Amino acid sequence: MQDACEFLSKKDYLDNWRSEMHETFCYWSLADWRGAVERSGFLVKPASHAFANPWIVQNRYEDKVKLFRKTAGKLEPLDWPVTNMLLIAEKR
């Protein structure tokens, strides 16, 4: 899924494709970020969350791409991937 997310995050940037390929957008999940932030001495607030930005979904994904998982020889549709995270942390 990380590879699919990286492709989706870059597929529309044809003019600066080479530059975009040097960036990584889908490296950590919210749980990974939470762990790193907490190990650094912060308290992650409950309002922190990950989400698929509605504008990105509507303008970059819908009617352009579809994601599936192959299960028992059949294709199972997947939800849109996370595009943004809001991580709220407080120094302990």
PDB file of N, CA and C in Angstrom:
ATOM      1  N   MET A   1       0.824  -1.191   0.000  1.00  0.00           N
ATOM      2  CA  MET A   1       0.000   0.000   0.000  1.00  0.00           C
ATOM      3  C   MET A   1       0.870   1.258   0.000  1.00  0.00           C
ATOM      4  N   GLN A   2       2.035   1.187   0.639  1.00  0.00           N
ATOM      5  CA  GLN A   2       2.902   2.365   0.639  1.00  0.00           C
ATOM      6  C   GLN A   2       3.287   2.760  -0.781  1.00  0.00           C
ATOM      7  N   ASP A   3       3.601   1.786  -1.619  1.00  0.00           N
ATOM      8  CA  ASP A   3       3.956   2.094  -3.009  1.00  0.00           C
ATOM      9  C   ASP A   3       2.778   2.723  -3.749  1.00  0.00           C
ATOM     10  N   ALA A   4       1.586   2.193  -3.525  1.00  0.00           N
ATOM     11  CA  ALA A   4       0.392   2.761  -4.167  1.00  0.00           C
ATOM     12  C   ALA A   4       0.176   4.194  -3.701  1.00  0.00           C
ATOM     13  N   CYS A   5       0.330   4.432  -2.416  1.00  0.00           N
ATOM     14  CA  CYS A   5       0.145   5.791  -1.880  1.00  0.00           C
ATOM     15  C   CYS A   5       1.179   6.751  -2.446  1.00  0.00           C
ATOM     16  N   GLU A   6       2.421   6.299  -2.555  1.00  0.00           N
ATOM     17  CA  GLU A   6       3.459   7.158  -3.130  1.00  0.00           C
ATOM     18  C   GLU A   6       3.131   7.492  -4.580  1.00  0.00           C
ATOM     19  N   PHE A   7       2.684   6.509  -5.346  1.00  0.00           N
ATOM     20  CA  PHE A   7       2.314   6.768  -6.733  1.00  0.00           C
ATOM     21  C   PHE A   7       1.163   7.772  -6.797  1.00  0.00           C
ATOM     22  N   LEU A   8       0.126   7.547  -5.992  1.00  0.00           N
ATOM     23  CA  LEU A   8      -1.037   8.442  -6.015  1.00  0.00           C
ATOM     24  C   LEU A   8      -0.663   9.870  -5.634  1.00  0.00           C
ATOM     25  N   SER A   9       0.282  10.016  -4.710  1.00  0.00           N
ATOM     26  CA  SER A   9       0.653  11.356  -4.261  1.00  0.00           C
ATOM     27  C   SER A   9       1.482  12.114  -5.291  1.00  0.00           C
ATOM     28  N   LYS A  10       1.984  11.419  -6.303  1.00  0.00           N
ATOM     29  CA  LYS A  10       2.868  12.059  -7.285  1.00  0.00           C
ATOM     30  C   LYS A  10       2.343  12.024  -8.718  1.00  0.00           C
ATOM     31  N   LYS A  11       1.331  11.220  -8.995  1.00  0.00           N
ATOM     32  CA  LYS A  11       0.918  10.929 -10.365  1.00  0.00           C
ATOM     33  C   LYS A  11       0.520  12.155 -11.185  1.00  0.00           C
ATOM     34  N   ASP A  12       0.118  13.226 -10.549  1.00  0.00           N
ATOM     35  CA  ASP A  12      -0.354  14.403 -11.275  1.00  0.00           C
ATOM     36  C   ASP A  12       0.714  15.480 -11.480  1.00  0.00           C
ATOM     37  N   TYR A  13       1.907  15.243 -10.986  1.00  0.00           N
ATOM     38  CA  TYR A  13       2.964  16.254 -11.061  1.00  0.00           C
ATOM     39  C   TYR A  13       3.920  15.945 -12.208  1.00  0.00           C
ATOM     40  N   LEU A  14       3.431  16.029 -13.434  1.00  0.00           N
ATOM     41  CA  LEU A  14       4.224  15.655 -14.597  1.00  0.00           C
ATOM     42  C   LEU A  14       5.377  16.627 -14.864  1.00  0.00           C
ATOM     43  N   ASP A  15       5.172  17.912 -14.611  1.00  0.00           N
ATOM     44  CA  ASP A  15       6.208  18.908 -14.897  1.00  0.00           C
ATOM     45  C   ASP A  15       7.420  18.787 -13.990  1.00  0.00           C
ATOM     46  N   ASN A  16       7.215  18.301 -12.777  1.00  0.00           N
ATOM     47  CA  ASN A  16       8.340  18.201 -11.846  1.00  0.00           C
ATOM     48  C   ASN A  16       8.456  16.791 -11.267  1.00  0.00           C
ATOM     49  N   TRP A  17       8.199  15.799 -12.097  1.00  0.00           N
ATOM     50  CA  TRP A  17       8.226  14.390 -11.687  1.00  0.00           C
ATOM     51  C   TRP A  17       9.546  14.017 -11.028  1.00  0.00           C
ATOM     52  N   ARG A  18      10.666  14.393 -11.634  1.00  0.00           N
ATOM     53  CA  ARG A  18      11.974  14.023 -11.077  1.00  0.00           C
ATOM     54  C   ARG A  18      12.169  14.596  -9.677  1.00  0.00           C
ATOM     55  N   SER A  19      11.761  15.809  -9.475  1.00  0.00           N
ATOM     56  CA  SER A  19      11.863  16.415  -8.151  1.00  0.00           C
ATOM     57  C   SER A  19      10.957  15.706  -7.147  1.00  0.00           C
ATOM     58  N   GLU A  20       9.728  15.432  -7.557  1.00  0.00           N
ATOM     59  CA  GLU A  20       8.767  14.757  -6.677  1.00  0.00           C
ATOM     60  C   GLU A  20       9.263  13.373  -6.253  1.00  0.00           C
ATOM     61  N   MET A  21       9.989  12.700  -7.115  1.00  0.00           N
ATOM     62  CA  MET A  21      10.466  11.357  -6.818  1.00  0.00           C
ATOM     63  C   MET A  21      11.505  11.340  -5.700  1.00  0.00           C
ATOM     64  N   HIS A  22      12.017  12.493  -5.325  1.00  0.00           N
ATOM     65  CA  HIS A  22      12.968  12.577  -4.214  1.00  0.00           C
ATOM     66  C   HIS A  22      12.264  12.771  -2.871  1.00  0.00           C
ATOM     67  N   GLU A  23      10.960  12.913  -2.901  1.00  0.00           N
ATOM     68  CA  GLU A  23      10.186  13.133  -1.677  1.00  0.00           C
ATOM     69  C   GLU A  23       9.425  11.866  -1.319  1.00  0.00           C
ATOM     70  N   THR A  24       9.238  11.655  -0.026  1.00  0.00           N
ATOM     71  CA  THR A  24       8.453  10.520   0.454  1.00  0.00           C
ATOM     72  C   THR A  24       7.334  11.073   1.313  1.00  0.00           C
ATOM     73  N   PHE A  25       6.108  10.746   0.947  1.00  0.00           N
ATOM     74  CA  PHE A  25       4.957  11.270   1.665  1.00  0.00           C
ATOM     75  C   PHE A  25       4.288  10.232   2.555  1.00  0.00           C
ATOM     76  N   CYS A  26       4.484   8.971   2.268  1.00  0.00           N
ATOM     77  CA  CYS A  26       3.716   7.918   2.935  1.00  0.00           C
ATOM     78  C   CYS A  26       4.622   7.019   3.764  1.00  0.00           C
ATOM     79  N   TYR A  27       5.570   7.616   4.436  1.00  0.00           N
ATOM     80  CA  TYR A  27       6.600   6.848   5.136  1.00  0.00           C
ATOM     81  C   TYR A  27       6.073   6.201   6.410  1.00  0.00           C
ATOM     82  N   TRP A  28       5.432   6.978   7.265  1.00  0.00           N
ATOM     83  CA  TRP A  28       4.956   6.477   8.556  1.00  0.00           C
ATOM     84  C   TRP A  28       3.443   6.576   8.653  1.00  0.00           C
ATOM     85  N   SER A  29       2.875   5.647   9.393  1.00  0.00           N
ATOM     86  CA  SER A  29       1.450   5.705   9.735  1.00  0.00           C
ATOM     87  C   SER A  29       1.285   6.625  10.936  1.00  0.00           C
ATOM     88  N   LEU A  30       0.049   6.910  11.293  1.00  0.00           N
ATOM     89  CA  LEU A  30      -0.200   7.721  12.488  1.00  0.00           C
ATOM     90  C   LEU A  30       0.381   7.033  13.717  1.00  0.00           C
ATOM     91  N   ALA A  31       0.254   5.717  13.800  1.00  0.00           N
ATOM     92  CA  ALA A  31       0.816   4.981  14.943  1.00  0.00           C
ATOM     93  C   ALA A  31       2.336   5.130  14.999  1.00  0.00           C
ATOM     94  N   ASP A  32       3.007   5.101  13.843  1.00  0.00           N
ATOM     95  CA  ASP A  32       4.461   5.297  13.809  1.00  0.00           C
ATOM     96  C   ASP A  32       4.835   6.691  14.297  1.00  0.00           C
ATOM     97  N   TRP A  33       4.126   7.709  13.795  1.00  0.00           N
ATOM     98  CA  TRP A  33       4.384   9.086  14.226  1.00  0.00           C
ATOM     99  C   TRP A  33       4.131   9.233  15.725  1.00  0.00           C
ATOM    100  N   ARG A  34       3.003   8.665  16.198  1.00  0.00           N
ATOM    101  CA  ARG A  34       2.660   8.736  17.615  1.00  0.00           C
ATOM    102  C   ARG A  34       3.795   8.152  18.465  1.00  0.00           C
ATOM    103  N   GLY A  35       4.287   6.985  18.064  1.00  0.00           N
ATOM    104  CA  GLY A  35       5.371   6.352  18.812  1.00  0.00           C
ATOM    105  C   GLY A  35       6.623   7.204  18.861  1.00  0.00           C
ATOM    106  N   ALA A  36       7.018   7.765  17.724  1.00  0.00           N
ATOM    107  CA  ALA A  36       8.224   8.600  17.672  1.00  0.00           C
ATOM    108  C   ALA A  36       8.065   9.852  18.523  1.00  0.00           C
ATOM    109  N   VAL A  37       6.908  10.464  18.444  1.00  0.00           N
ATOM    110  CA  VAL A  37       6.655  11.694  19.209  1.00  0.00           C
ATOM    111  C   VAL A  37       6.627  11.393  20.709  1.00  0.00           C
ATOM    112  N   GLU A  38       5.994  10.300  21.081  1.00  0.00           N
ATOM    113  CA  GLU A  38       5.932   9.940  22.505  1.00  0.00           C
ATOM    114  C   GLU A  38       7.307   9.552  23.046  1.00  0.00           C
ATOM    115  N   ARG A  39       8.109   8.861  22.238  1.00  0.00           N
ATOM    116  CA  ARG A  39       9.477   8.525  22.666  1.00  0.00           C
ATOM    117  C   ARG A  39      10.326   9.781  22.824  1.00  0.00           C
ATOM    118  N   SER A  40       9.943  10.861  22.167  1.00  0.00           N
ATOM    119  CA  SER A  40      10.668  12.130  22.278  1.00  0.00           C
ATOM    120  C   SER A  40      10.203  12.955  23.466  1.00  0.00           C
ATOM    121  N   GLY A  41       9.280  12.408  24.261  1.00  0.00           N
ATOM    122  CA  GLY A  41       8.864  13.090  25.476  1.00  0.00           C
ATOM    123  C   GLY A  41       7.574  13.879  25.362  1.00  0.00           C
ATOM    124  N   PHE A  42       6.813  13.682  24.316  1.00  0.00           N
ATOM    125  CA  PHE A  42       5.556  14.392  24.139  1.00  0.00           C
ATOM    126  C   PHE A  42       4.379  13.469  24.438  1.00  0.00           C
ATOM    127  N   LEU A  43       3.275  14.069  24.772  1.00  0.00           N
ATOM    128  CA  LEU A  43       2.015  13.360  24.957  1.00  0.00           C
ATOM    129  C   LEU A  43       1.146  13.674  23.745  1.00  0.00           C
ATOM    130  N   VAL A  44       0.749  12.651  23.015  1.00  0.00           N
ATOM    131  CA  VAL A  44      -0.094  12.848  21.833  1.00  0.00           C
ATOM    132  C   VAL A  44      -1.542  12.940  22.288  1.00  0.00           C
ATOM    133  N   LYS A  45      -2.196  13.998  21.879  1.00  0.00           N
ATOM    134  CA  LYS A  45      -3.586  14.254  22.276  1.00  0.00           C
ATOM    135  C   LYS A  45      -4.556  13.363  21.499  1.00  0.00           C
ATOM    136  N   PRO A  46      -5.677  12.988  22.126  1.00  0.00           N
ATOM    137  CA  PRO A  46      -6.658  12.098  21.494  1.00  0.00           C
ATOM    138  C   PRO A  46      -7.264  12.642  20.195  1.00  0.00           C
ATOM    139  N   ALA A  47      -7.284  13.936  20.001  1.00  0.00           N
ATOM    140  CA  ALA A  47      -7.865  14.504  18.773  1.00  0.00           C
ATOM    141  C   ALA A  47      -6.984  14.263  17.546  1.00  0.00           C
ATOM    142  N   SER A  48      -5.785  13.750  17.742  1.00  0.00           N
ATOM    143  CA  SER A  48      -4.903  13.451  16.610  1.00  0.00           C
ATOM    144  C   SER A  48      -5.558  12.377  15.752  1.00  0.00           C
ATOM    145  N   HIS A  49      -5.450  12.542  14.433  1.00  0.00           N
ATOM    146  CA  HIS A  49      -6.078  11.562  13.548  1.00  0.00           C
ATOM    147  C   HIS A  49      -5.523  11.658  12.131  1.00  0.00           C
ATOM    148  N   ALA A  50      -5.741  10.588  11.405  1.00  0.00           N
ATOM    149  CA  ALA A  50      -5.355  10.526   9.999  1.00  0.00           C
ATOM    150  C   ALA A  50      -6.635  10.523   9.163  1.00  0.00           C
ATOM    151  N   PHE A  51      -6.543  11.065   7.949  1.00  0.00           N
ATOM    152  CA  PHE A  51      -7.740  11.115   7.116  1.00  0.00           C
ATOM    153  C   PHE A  51      -7.370  11.247   5.642  1.00  0.00           C
ATOM    154  N   ALA A  52      -8.325  10.920   4.793  1.00  0.00           N
ATOM    155  CA  ALA A  52      -8.197  11.142   3.356  1.00  0.00           C
ATOM    156  C   ALA A  52      -8.835  12.494   3.059  1.00  0.00           C
ATOM    157  N   ASN A  53      -8.037  13.438   2.609  1.00  0.00           N
ATOM    158  CA  ASN A  53      -8.505  14.786   2.315  1.00  0.00           C
ATOM    159  C   ASN A  53      -9.586  14.725   1.233  1.00  0.00           C
ATOM    160  N   PRO A  54     -10.793  15.225   1.526  1.00  0.00           N
ATOM    161  CA  PRO A  54     -11.888  15.152   0.554  1.00  0.00           C
ATOM    162  C   PRO A  54     -11.569  15.815  -0.789  1.00  0.00           C
ATOM    163  N   TRP A  55     -10.842  16.921  -0.785  1.00  0.00           N
ATOM    164  CA  TRP A  55     -10.507  17.595  -2.042  1.00  0.00           C
ATOM    165  C   TRP A  55      -9.597  16.699  -2.882  1.00  0.00           C
ATOM    166  N   ILE A  56      -8.592  16.112  -2.255  1.00  0.00           N
ATOM    167  CA  ILE A  56      -7.681  15.234  -2.980  1.00  0.00           C
ATOM    168  C   ILE A  56      -8.440  14.031  -3.537  1.00  0.00           C
ATOM    169  N   VAL A  57      -9.285  13.425  -2.712  1.00  0.00           N
ATOM    170  CA  VAL A  57     -10.077  12.284  -3.175  1.00  0.00           C
ATOM    171  C   VAL A  57     -10.919  12.677  -4.385  1.00  0.00           C
ATOM    172  N   GLN A  58     -11.633  13.780  -4.287  1.00  0.00           N
ATOM    173  CA  GLN A  58     -12.536  14.195  -5.367  1.00  0.00           C
ATOM    174  C   GLN A  58     -11.791  14.604  -6.630  1.00  0.00           C
ATOM    175  N   ASN A  59     -10.686  15.319  -6.489  1.00  0.00           N
ATOM    176  CA  ASN A  59     -10.008  15.886  -7.647  1.00  0.00           C
ATOM    177  C   ASN A  59      -8.843  15.073  -8.198  1.00  0.00           C
ATOM    178  N   ARG A  60      -8.317  14.159  -7.405  1.00  0.00           N
ATOM    179  CA  ARG A  60      -7.141  13.390  -7.851  1.00  0.00           C
ATOM    180  C   ARG A  60      -7.388  11.889  -7.954  1.00  0.00           C
ATOM    181  N   TYR A  61      -8.360  11.366  -7.203  1.00  0.00           N
ATOM    182  CA  TYR A  61      -8.552   9.913  -7.155  1.00  0.00           C
ATOM    183  C   TYR A  61      -9.827   9.453  -7.850  1.00  0.00           C
ATOM    184  N   GLU A  62     -10.966  10.009  -7.450  1.00  0.00           N
ATOM    185  CA  GLU A  62     -12.248   9.536  -7.978  1.00  0.00           C
ATOM    186  C   GLU A  62     -12.281   9.632  -9.506  1.00  0.00           C
ATOM    187  N   ASP A  63     -12.786   8.604 -10.121  1.00  0.00           N
ATOM    188  CA  ASP A  63     -12.890   8.504 -11.580  1.00  0.00           C
ATOM    189  C   ASP A  63     -11.537   8.480 -12.289  1.00  0.00           C
ATOM    190  N   LYS A  64     -10.464   8.299 -11.534  1.00  0.00           N
ATOM    191  CA  LYS A  64      -9.131   8.248 -12.134  1.00  0.00           C
ATOM    192  C   LYS A  64      -8.384   6.976 -11.759  1.00  0.00           C
ATOM    193  N   VAL A  65      -8.533   6.539 -10.521  1.00  0.00           N
ATOM    194  CA  VAL A  65      -7.850   5.336 -10.034  1.00  0.00           C
ATOM    195  C   VAL A  65      -8.785   4.553  -9.118  1.00  0.00           C
ATOM    196  N   LYS A  66      -8.491   3.291  -8.970  1.00  0.00           N
ATOM    197  CA  LYS A  66      -9.188   2.439  -8.017  1.00  0.00           C
ATOM    198  C   LYS A  66      -8.151   1.526  -7.385  1.00  0.00           C
ATOM    199  N   LEU A  67      -8.343   1.218  -6.123  1.00  0.00           N
ATOM    200  CA  LEU A  67      -7.430   0.329  -5.410  1.00  0.00           C
ATOM    201  C   LEU A  67      -8.163  -0.947  -5.018  1.00  0.00           C
ATOM    202  N   PHE A  68      -7.459  -2.073  -5.163  1.00  0.00           N
ATOM    203  CA  PHE A  68      -8.040  -3.361  -4.829  1.00  0.00           C
ATOM    204  C   PHE A  68      -7.019  -4.214  -4.091  1.00  0.00           C
ATOM    205  N   ARG A  69      -7.527  -5.175  -3.345  1.00  0.00           N
ATOM    206  CA  ARG A  69      -6.707  -6.206  -2.712  1.00  0.00           C
ATOM    207  C   ARG A  69      -7.198  -7.528  -3.295  1.00  0.00           C
ATOM    208  N   LYS A  70      -6.264  -8.384  -3.671  1.00  0.00           N
ATOM    209  CA  LYS A  70      -6.647  -9.690  -4.197  1.00  0.00           C
ATOM    210  C   LYS A  70      -6.800 -10.649  -3.024  1.00  0.00           C
ATOM    211  N   THR A  71      -8.005 -11.168  -2.856  1.00  0.00           N
ATOM    212  CA  THR A  71      -8.314 -12.083  -1.771  1.00  0.00           C
ATOM    213  C   THR A  71      -9.024 -13.300  -2.349  1.00  0.00           C
ATOM    214  N   ALA A  72      -8.457 -14.462  -2.123  1.00  0.00           N
ATOM    215  CA  ALA A  72      -9.036 -15.713  -2.615  1.00  0.00           C
ATOM    216  C   ALA A  72      -9.365 -15.640  -4.115  1.00  0.00           C
ATOM    217  N   GLY A  73      -8.465 -15.050  -4.883  1.00  0.00           N
ATOM    218  CA  GLY A  73      -8.647 -14.974  -6.325  1.00  0.00           C
ATOM    219  C   GLY A  73      -9.621 -13.913  -6.797  1.00  0.00           C
ATOM    220  N   LYS A  74     -10.156 -13.123  -5.877  1.00  0.00           N
ATOM    221  CA  LYS A  74     -11.102 -12.061  -6.245  1.00  0.00           C
ATOM    222  C   LYS A  74     -10.535 -10.710  -5.826  1.00  0.00           C
ATOM    223  N   LEU A  75     -10.973  -9.669  -6.541  1.00  0.00           N
ATOM    224  CA  LEU A  75     -10.535  -8.315  -6.202  1.00  0.00           C
ATOM    225  C   LEU A  75     -11.514  -7.689  -5.220  1.00  0.00           C
ATOM    226  N   GLU A  76     -10.973  -7.222  -4.107  1.00  0.00           N
ATOM    227  CA  GLU A  76     -11.761  -6.576  -3.054  1.00  0.00           C
ATOM    228  C   GLU A  76     -11.417  -5.082  -3.058  1.00  0.00           C
ATOM    229  N   PRO A  77     -12.401  -4.199  -3.261  1.00  0.00           N
ATOM    230  CA  PRO A  77     -12.113  -2.753  -3.288  1.00  0.00           C
ATOM    231  C   PRO A  77     -11.555  -2.272  -1.949  1.00  0.00           C
ATOM    232  N   LEU A  78     -10.646  -1.330  -2.011  1.00  0.00           N
ATOM    233  CA  LEU A  78     -10.056  -0.726  -0.813  1.00  0.00           C
ATOM    234  C   LEU A  78     -10.518   0.719  -0.674  1.00  0.00           C
ATOM    235  N   ASP A  79     -10.555   1.185   0.557  1.00  0.00           N
ATOM    236  CA  ASP A  79     -10.842   2.595   0.821  1.00  0.00           C
ATOM    237  C   ASP A  79      -9.673   3.445   0.332  1.00  0.00           C
ATOM    238  N   TRP A  80      -9.935   4.720   0.150  1.00  0.00           N
ATOM    239  CA  TRP A  80      -8.863   5.640  -0.235  1.00  0.00           C
ATOM    240  C   TRP A  80      -7.830   5.713   0.880  1.00  0.00           C
ATOM    241  N   PRO A  81      -6.566   5.846   0.529  1.00  0.00           N
ATOM    242  CA  PRO A  81      -5.529   5.900   1.560  1.00  0.00           C
ATOM    243  C   PRO A  81      -5.513   7.246   2.289  1.00  0.00           C
ATOM    244  N   VAL A  82      -4.845   7.242   3.392  1.00  0.00           N
ATOM    245  CA  VAL A  82      -4.629   8.463   4.169  1.00  0.00           C
ATOM    246  C   VAL A  82      -3.813   9.440   3.333  1.00  0.00           C
ATOM    247  N   THR A  83      -4.231  10.704   3.335  1.00  0.00           N
ATOM    248  CA  THR A  83      -3.465  11.743   2.647  1.00  0.00           C
ATOM    249  C   THR A  83      -2.904  12.771   3.629  1.00  0.00           C
ATOM    250  N   ASN A  84      -3.520  12.876   4.791  1.00  0.00           N
ATOM    251  CA  ASN A  84      -3.121  13.885   5.773  1.00  0.00           C
ATOM    252  C   ASN A  84      -3.233  13.322   7.192  1.00  0.00           C
ATOM    253  N   MET A  85      -2.460  13.901   8.082  1.00  0.00           N
ATOM    254  CA  MET A  85      -2.551  13.574   9.498  1.00  0.00           C
ATOM    255  C   MET A  85      -2.517  14.860  10.292  1.00  0.00           C
ATOM    256  N   LEU A  86      -3.301  14.875  11.345  1.00  0.00           N
ATOM    257  CA  LEU A  86      -3.253  15.964  12.300  1.00  0.00           C
ATOM    258  C   LEU A  86      -2.749  15.349  13.588  1.00  0.00           C
ATOM    259  N   LEU A  87      -1.540  15.714  13.974  1.00  0.00           N
ATOM    260  CA  LEU A  87      -0.943  15.178  15.190  1.00  0.00           C
ATOM    261  C   LEU A  87      -0.757  16.333  16.162  1.00  0.00           C
ATOM    262  N   ILE A  88      -1.443  16.247  17.265  1.00  0.00           N
ATOM    263  CA  ILE A  88      -1.386  17.289  18.293  1.00  0.00           C
ATOM    264  C   ILE A  88      -0.629  16.698  19.474  1.00  0.00           C
ATOM    265  N   ALA A  89       0.453  17.351  19.850  1.00  0.00           N
ATOM    266  CA  ALA A  89       1.288  16.829  20.931  1.00  0.00           C
ATOM    267  C   ALA A  89       1.598  17.925  21.932  1.00  0.00           C
ATOM    268  N   GLU A  90       1.773  17.490  23.155  1.00  0.00           N
ATOM    269  CA  GLU A  90       2.057  18.416  24.262  1.00  0.00           C
ATOM    270  C   GLU A  90       3.321  17.934  24.963  1.00  0.00           C
ATOM    271  N   LYS A  91       4.220  18.858  25.242  1.00  0.00           N
ATOM    272  CA  LYS A  91       5.455  18.509  25.963  1.00  0.00           C
ATOM    273  C   LYS A  91       5.093  18.122  27.384  1.00  0.00           C
ATOM    274  N   ARG A  92       5.582  16.979  27.818  1.00  0.00           N
ATOM    275  CA  ARG A  92       5.292  16.511  29.197  1.00  0.00           C
ATOM    276  C   ARG A  92       6.056  17.308  30.211  1.00  0.00           C
TER     277      ARG A  92
END
